[in-house]
Amino acid sequence: MLEGIIVKGIGGFYYVKTENGIFECRARGLFREENLVPLVGDRVKIRISPEDNTGYIKEIKPRESQLLRPPVANITQTIIIMSIKEPNINLWLLDRFLVMAEFEGLNIHVCINKVDLERGDKVKEINNIYSKAGYSIINTSIIDNKGIDELREKLKNNITVFAGPSGVGKSSLLNKIHPGLNLKTGDISRKTTRGKHTTRHVELIEIDSNSYVLDSPGFSSLDLSFIEREEDLGFYFKEIKEYSGDCKFISCVHYKEPDCEVKRQLEKGNISNSRYENYLNFLDEIKSIRRY
């Protein structure tokens, strides 16, 4: 049997990259009985039919991680990509992506793309907010070639999910990092300044033999229903989690409670107002979900 990694899955067919090339495979019926569905990113063993050179997946190796949206296995990090302009950066959406990635326990980097379009202090302001929150920031531009080498280095020896809304330049960045890819990129509509969806299925893109990127379909929103308790939300804001242990009440949600260390740090400027406002926004949403 050959060993490989599932790089694409469409309509019950799985494309497995091995040392002998990529083979179109189906999953054996036993997986259905085990309620196990092969995922892109799975490391598998396959048996090839000599008649038509297609294969069957015979074994799925234990997963190191698994995401539900997008459905993918063995991701080692996520790079959340937002554009500073065209479309304008949306911190509410960025914080939403960060909460999701923190929940999944992923290593996270924030990439601010199209920085050539901003000549003011907006990029520096965003960098300050998120570096203060504890994230590594990469500023990129395919026009100025800014940050491309740094981004390429981050991808080495990882399976990375590129997350972010449509139109922020995920495919363009990958084309710049690996010019041979020729990924389709979408135009920005002049009327809506929103990106058109250009990625239709989940697929791992090979950067080199040990480095893959998932250019996942763009998302316009992320559901927070996976957070079961209001007090759990703070665990997914790194800076709030850092200070919450010093709050008077264990169940403090950092809103109206007395002796709240998070609010003290907010007043001192150690937590940004925009992050805290989005935290409260998400908190209200979770309360509404739990109410119904």
Protein backbone atom coordinates (compact mmCIF):
# COMPACT_ATOMS: atom_id res chain seq x y z
CA MET A 1 0.00 0.00 0.00
CA LEU A 2 1.02 3.60 -0.61
CA GLU A 3 0.97 6.34 1.99
CA GLY A 4 -0.09 9.87 1.16
CA ILE A 5 -2.15 12.93 2.07
CA ILE A 6 -5.62 13.85 0.81
CA VAL A 7 -5.19 17.14 -1.03
CA LYS A 8 -8.71 17.45 -2.48
CA GLY A 9 -12.13 15.91 -2.05
CA ILE A 10 -15.02 16.34 -4.50
CA GLY A 11 -18.25 14.34 -4.70
CA GLY A 12 -17.03 11.21 -2.95
CA PHE A 13 -13.68 11.17 -4.77
CA TYR A 14 -10.48 11.88 -2.85
CA TYR A 15 -7.24 12.93 -4.49
CA VAL A 16 -4.28 11.53 -2.60
CA LYS A 17 -0.74 12.83 -3.12
CA THR A 18 1.91 10.13 -2.73
CA GLU A 19 5.58 9.81 -3.62
CA ASN A 20 4.38 8.23 -6.89
CA GLY A 21 2.01 11.05 -7.82
CA ILE A 22 -1.64 11.94 -7.18
CA PHE A 23 -4.26 9.17 -7.32
CA GLU A 24 -8.05 9.46 -7.51
CA CYS A 25 -9.48 7.31 -4.72
CA ARG A 26 -12.72 6.27 -3.10
CA ALA A 27 -13.20 5.45 0.56
CA ARG A 28 -13.93 1.86 1.57
CA GLY A 29 -17.43 1.19 2.90
CA LEU A 30 -16.23 0.34 6.38
CA PHE A 31 -15.57 4.03 7.05
CA ARG A 32 -19.32 4.70 6.75
CA GLU A 33 -20.04 2.01 9.33
CA GLU A 34 -17.49 3.67 11.63
CA ASN A 35 -19.10 7.08 10.94
CA LEU A 36 -15.71 8.29 9.74
CA VAL A 37 -15.50 10.58 6.72
CA PRO A 38 -12.11 11.17 5.07
CA LEU A 39 -11.06 14.82 5.18
CA VAL A 40 -8.66 16.92 3.20
CA GLY A 41 -5.42 16.85 5.17
CA ASP A 42 -5.87 13.26 6.31
CA ARG A 43 -2.78 11.10 6.08
CA VAL A 44 -3.92 7.81 4.60
CA LYS A 45 -2.90 4.44 3.21
CA ILE A 46 -4.29 3.55 -0.22
CA ARG A 47 -4.37 0.50 -2.45
CA ILE A 48 -4.09 1.12 -6.20
CA SER A 49 -6.00 -0.89 -8.80
CA PRO A 50 -3.63 -1.83 -11.66
CA GLU A 51 -6.53 -1.87 -14.14
CA ASP A 52 -7.38 1.84 -14.07
CA ASN A 53 -4.72 3.32 -11.75
CA THR A 54 -7.33 4.53 -9.26
CA GLY A 55 -7.35 3.57 -5.62
CA TYR A 56 -9.23 2.91 -2.40
CA ILE A 57 -8.46 4.51 0.93
CA LYS A 58 -7.81 1.60 3.27
CA GLU A 59 -6.66 3.41 6.41
CA ILE A 60 -6.91 6.90 7.90
CA LYS A 61 -4.12 7.68 10.33
CA PRO A 62 -4.98 9.34 13.66
CA ARG A 63 -5.65 13.06 13.27
CA GLU A 64 -3.60 15.66 15.12
CA SER A 65 -6.38 18.21 14.67
CA GLN A 66 -9.73 18.56 12.94
CA LEU A 67 -11.69 21.63 11.87
CA LEU A 68 -15.39 21.59 11.06
CA ARG A 69 -15.45 24.74 8.96
CA PRO A 70 -13.70 24.32 6.66
CA PRO A 71 -13.72 20.50 7.04
CA VAL A 72 -10.02 19.67 7.15
CA ALA A 73 -7.63 17.58 9.25
CA ASN A 74 -4.10 18.03 10.60
CA ILE A 75 -3.89 21.82 10.26
CA THR A 76 -0.88 23.12 12.21
CA GLN A 77 -1.56 26.86 11.99
CA THR A 78 -3.90 29.49 10.61
CA ILE A 79 -3.05 32.80 9.00
CA ILE A 80 -6.03 35.14 9.17
CA ILE A 81 -5.86 37.55 6.25
CA MET A 82 -7.63 40.90 6.11
CA SER A 83 -7.07 43.71 3.63
CA ILE A 84 -6.54 47.23 4.91
CA LYS A 85 -8.63 48.51 1.97
CA GLU A 86 -10.64 47.13 -0.97
CA PRO A 87 -12.47 45.83 0.99
CA ASN A 88 -11.88 47.97 4.07
CA ILE A 89 -10.67 46.09 7.12
CA ASN A 90 -13.45 44.79 9.37
CA LEU A 91 -12.20 44.36 12.94
CA TRP A 92 -15.49 42.79 14.05
CA LEU A 93 -14.96 40.04 11.48
CA LEU A 94 -11.24 39.72 12.28
CA ASP A 95 -12.03 39.23 15.97
CA ARG A 96 -14.65 36.66 15.02
CA PHE A 97 -12.08 34.67 13.03
CA LEU A 98 -9.67 34.94 15.96
CA VAL A 99 -12.24 33.58 18.42
CA MET A 100 -12.87 30.61 16.12
CA ALA A 101 -9.15 29.91 15.70
CA GLU A 102 -8.52 30.22 19.44
CA PHE A 103 -11.35 27.78 20.10
CA GLU A 104 -9.70 25.28 17.75
CA GLY A 105 -6.40 25.71 19.60
CA LEU A 106 -4.47 26.69 16.48
CA ASN A 107 -1.23 28.63 16.23
CA ILE A 108 -2.38 31.98 14.82
CA HIS A 109 -0.82 34.74 12.74
CA VAL A 110 -2.60 37.89 11.52
CA CYS A 111 -1.80 39.13 8.02
CA ILE A 112 -2.78 42.65 6.95
CA ASN A 113 -2.73 42.69 3.15
CA LYS A 114 -2.79 45.49 0.53
CA VAL A 115 -0.88 47.84 2.84
CA ASP A 116 0.29 49.76 -0.25
CA LEU A 117 -3.23 51.23 -0.43
CA GLU A 118 -2.94 52.95 2.97
CA ARG A 119 -0.56 55.89 3.36
CA GLY A 120 -1.85 57.03 6.75
CA ASP A 121 -1.51 55.54 10.22
CA LYS A 122 -4.24 52.91 9.90
CA VAL A 123 -1.80 49.99 9.43
CA LYS A 124 0.23 51.05 12.48
CA GLU A 125 -2.98 51.40 14.50
CA ILE A 126 -4.14 47.86 13.58
CA ASN A 127 -0.67 46.47 14.28
CA ASN A 128 -0.70 48.04 17.75
CA ILE A 129 -4.13 46.62 18.61
CA TYR A 130 -3.27 43.04 17.69
CA SER A 131 0.34 42.91 18.80
CA LYS A 132 -0.87 44.20 22.19
CA ALA A 133 -3.38 41.34 22.16
CA GLY A 134 -0.51 38.89 21.72
CA TYR A 135 -0.58 38.08 18.00
CA SER A 136 2.24 38.07 15.47
CA ILE A 137 1.47 40.44 12.59
CA ILE A 138 2.60 40.25 8.97
CA ASN A 139 2.01 43.28 6.74
CA THR A 140 1.91 42.35 3.05
CA SER A 141 1.58 43.85 -0.40
CA ILE A 142 1.98 42.03 -3.71
CA ILE A 143 2.50 45.44 -5.35
CA ASP A 144 5.44 46.46 -3.16
CA ASN A 145 6.55 42.85 -2.50
CA LYS A 146 6.28 43.69 1.20
CA GLY A 147 6.18 40.81 3.67
CA ILE A 148 6.16 38.09 1.00
CA ASP A 149 9.40 36.44 2.15
CA GLU A 150 8.24 36.56 5.78
CA LEU A 151 4.93 34.96 4.84
CA ARG A 152 6.67 32.28 2.76
CA GLU A 153 8.89 31.44 5.75
CA LYS A 154 5.83 31.07 8.02
CA LEU A 155 4.42 28.45 5.65
CA LYS A 156 7.45 26.15 5.71
CA ASN A 157 6.85 22.68 7.20
CA ASN A 158 3.24 23.51 8.07
CA ILE A 159 -0.26 22.74 6.89
CA THR A 160 -1.74 26.22 7.02
CA VAL A 161 -5.31 27.36 6.62
CA PHE A 162 -5.66 30.78 4.99
CA ALA A 163 -8.77 32.26 6.63
CA GLY A 164 -10.51 35.50 5.83
CA PRO A 165 -13.37 36.95 3.82
CA SER A 166 -13.42 36.97 0.04
CA GLY A 167 -11.56 39.72 -1.76
CA VAL A 168 -8.76 40.27 0.76
CA GLY A 169 -6.16 38.72 -1.56
CA LYS A 170 -5.58 35.18 -0.29
CA SER A 171 -5.19 33.68 -3.77
CA SER A 172 -3.06 36.61 -4.97
CA LEU A 173 -0.68 36.15 -2.04
CA LEU A 174 -0.33 32.44 -2.81
CA ASN A 175 0.38 33.24 -6.46
CA LYS A 176 3.09 35.66 -5.34
CA ILE A 177 4.64 33.12 -2.96
CA HIS A 178 4.48 30.33 -5.54
CA PRO A 179 4.19 31.86 -9.06
CA GLY A 180 3.57 28.47 -10.69
CA LEU A 181 0.22 28.03 -8.97
CA ASN A 182 -1.79 30.35 -11.25
CA LEU A 183 -4.72 30.39 -8.84
CA LYS A 184 -7.81 32.23 -10.03
CA THR A 185 -8.26 35.58 -8.32
CA GLY A 186 -11.50 37.54 -8.08
CA ASP A 187 -12.11 41.12 -9.02
CA ILE A 188 -13.41 43.60 -6.49
CA SER A 189 -16.82 44.86 -7.50
CA ARG A 190 -16.70 48.64 -7.79
CA LYS A 191 -20.28 48.88 -6.62
CA THR A 192 -20.00 46.73 -3.51
CA THR A 193 -16.20 46.68 -2.90
CA ARG A 194 -16.65 43.05 -1.87
CA GLY A 195 -14.71 40.18 -3.31
CA LYS A 196 -16.30 37.58 -5.50
CA HIS A 197 -15.97 33.99 -4.30
CA THR A 198 -13.18 32.33 -6.26
CA THR A 199 -12.58 29.16 -4.21
CA ARG A 200 -15.35 26.58 -4.53
CA HIS A 201 -14.01 23.49 -2.79
CA VAL A 202 -11.59 22.61 -0.03
CA GLU A 203 -8.14 21.88 -1.45
CA LEU A 204 -4.60 21.70 -0.13
CA ILE A 205 -2.14 23.63 -2.27
CA GLU A 206 1.40 22.31 -2.24
CA ILE A 207 4.05 24.95 -1.59
CA ASP A 208 6.80 22.34 -1.27
CA SER A 209 6.97 18.67 -0.26
CA ASN A 210 6.38 19.46 3.43
CA SER A 211 4.31 22.64 3.17
CA TYR A 212 0.65 22.97 2.23
CA VAL A 213 -1.89 25.77 2.31
CA LEU A 214 -5.64 25.46 2.45
CA ASP A 215 -7.15 28.25 0.38
CA SER A 216 -10.60 27.85 1.86
CA PRO A 217 -13.89 29.35 0.62
CA GLY A 218 -14.49 32.89 1.86
CA PHE A 219 -16.77 33.42 4.81
CA SER A 220 -18.97 36.40 5.54
CA SER A 221 -19.81 35.35 9.11
CA LEU A 222 -18.96 32.75 11.70
CA ASP A 223 -21.47 31.23 14.08
CA LEU A 224 -20.57 31.49 17.78
CA SER A 225 -22.98 28.79 18.96
CA PHE A 226 -20.02 26.53 19.80
CA ILE A 227 -19.42 28.65 22.93
CA GLU A 228 -21.58 27.04 25.59
CA ARG A 229 -21.31 29.54 28.47
CA GLU A 230 -21.05 33.32 28.52
CA GLU A 231 -18.03 33.20 30.83
CA ASP A 232 -16.18 30.98 28.32
CA LEU A 233 -15.95 33.73 25.68
CA GLY A 234 -13.09 35.45 27.51
CA PHE A 235 -10.90 32.36 27.05
CA TYR A 236 -10.81 33.11 23.31
CA PHE A 237 -9.65 36.72 23.70
CA LYS A 238 -5.98 36.28 24.62
CA GLU A 239 -5.58 39.53 26.54
CA ILE A 240 -8.85 39.07 28.44
CA LYS A 241 -7.84 35.54 29.38
CA GLU A 242 -4.49 36.87 30.64
CA TYR A 243 -6.09 39.23 33.18
CA SER A 244 -9.33 37.41 34.05
CA GLY A 245 -7.65 35.26 36.72
CA ASP A 246 -7.34 38.39 38.88
CA CYS A 247 -11.04 39.26 38.76
CA LYS A 248 -12.95 39.02 42.07
CA PHE A 249 -15.48 36.53 40.70
CA ILE A 250 -14.59 33.31 38.89
CA SER A 251 -17.68 33.66 36.69
CA CYS A 252 -16.93 37.30 35.83
CA VAL A 253 -17.90 38.17 32.25
CA HIS A 254 -16.11 41.54 32.51
CA TYR A 255 -19.14 43.73 31.97
CA LYS A 256 -20.86 45.12 35.09
CA GLU A 257 -19.20 43.06 37.83
CA PRO A 258 -17.26 44.89 40.58
CA ASP A 259 -13.50 44.44 41.03
CA CYS A 260 -13.00 43.31 37.43
CA GLU A 261 -9.32 43.24 36.49
CA VAL A 262 -10.13 43.19 32.78
CA LYS A 263 -11.95 46.53 33.05
CA ARG A 264 -9.05 47.94 35.07
CA GLN A 265 -6.62 46.94 32.32
CA LEU A 266 -8.98 48.43 29.73
CA GLU A 267 -8.83 51.77 31.56
CA LYS A 268 -5.02 51.54 31.66
CA GLY A 269 -4.92 50.99 27.89
CA ASN A 270 -3.58 47.43 28.08
CA ILE A 271 -6.70 46.14 26.31
CA SER A 272 -7.89 47.99 23.22
CA ASN A 273 -11.34 49.56 23.14
CA SER A 274 -12.19 47.97 19.79
CA ARG A 275 -11.37 44.47 21.02
CA TYR A 276 -13.37 44.99 24.22
CA GLU A 277 -16.36 46.39 22.29
CA ASN A 278 -16.34 43.36 20.00
CA TYR A 279 -16.08 41.10 23.05
CA LEU A 280 -19.24 42.71 24.47
CA ASN A 281 -20.94 42.42 21.08
CA PHE A 282 -20.17 38.70 20.93
CA LEU A 283 -21.25 38.31 24.57
CA ASP A 284 -24.69 39.73 23.73
CA GLU A 285 -24.91 37.35 20.79
CA ILE A 286 -24.11 34.33 22.98
CA LYS A 287 -26.73 35.46 25.51
CA SER A 288 -29.30 35.61 22.71
CA ILE A 289 -28.35 32.15 21.44
CA ARG A 290 -28.66 30.68 24.93
CA ARG A 291 -32.02 32.42 25.47
CA TYR A 292 -33.54 30.53 22.56
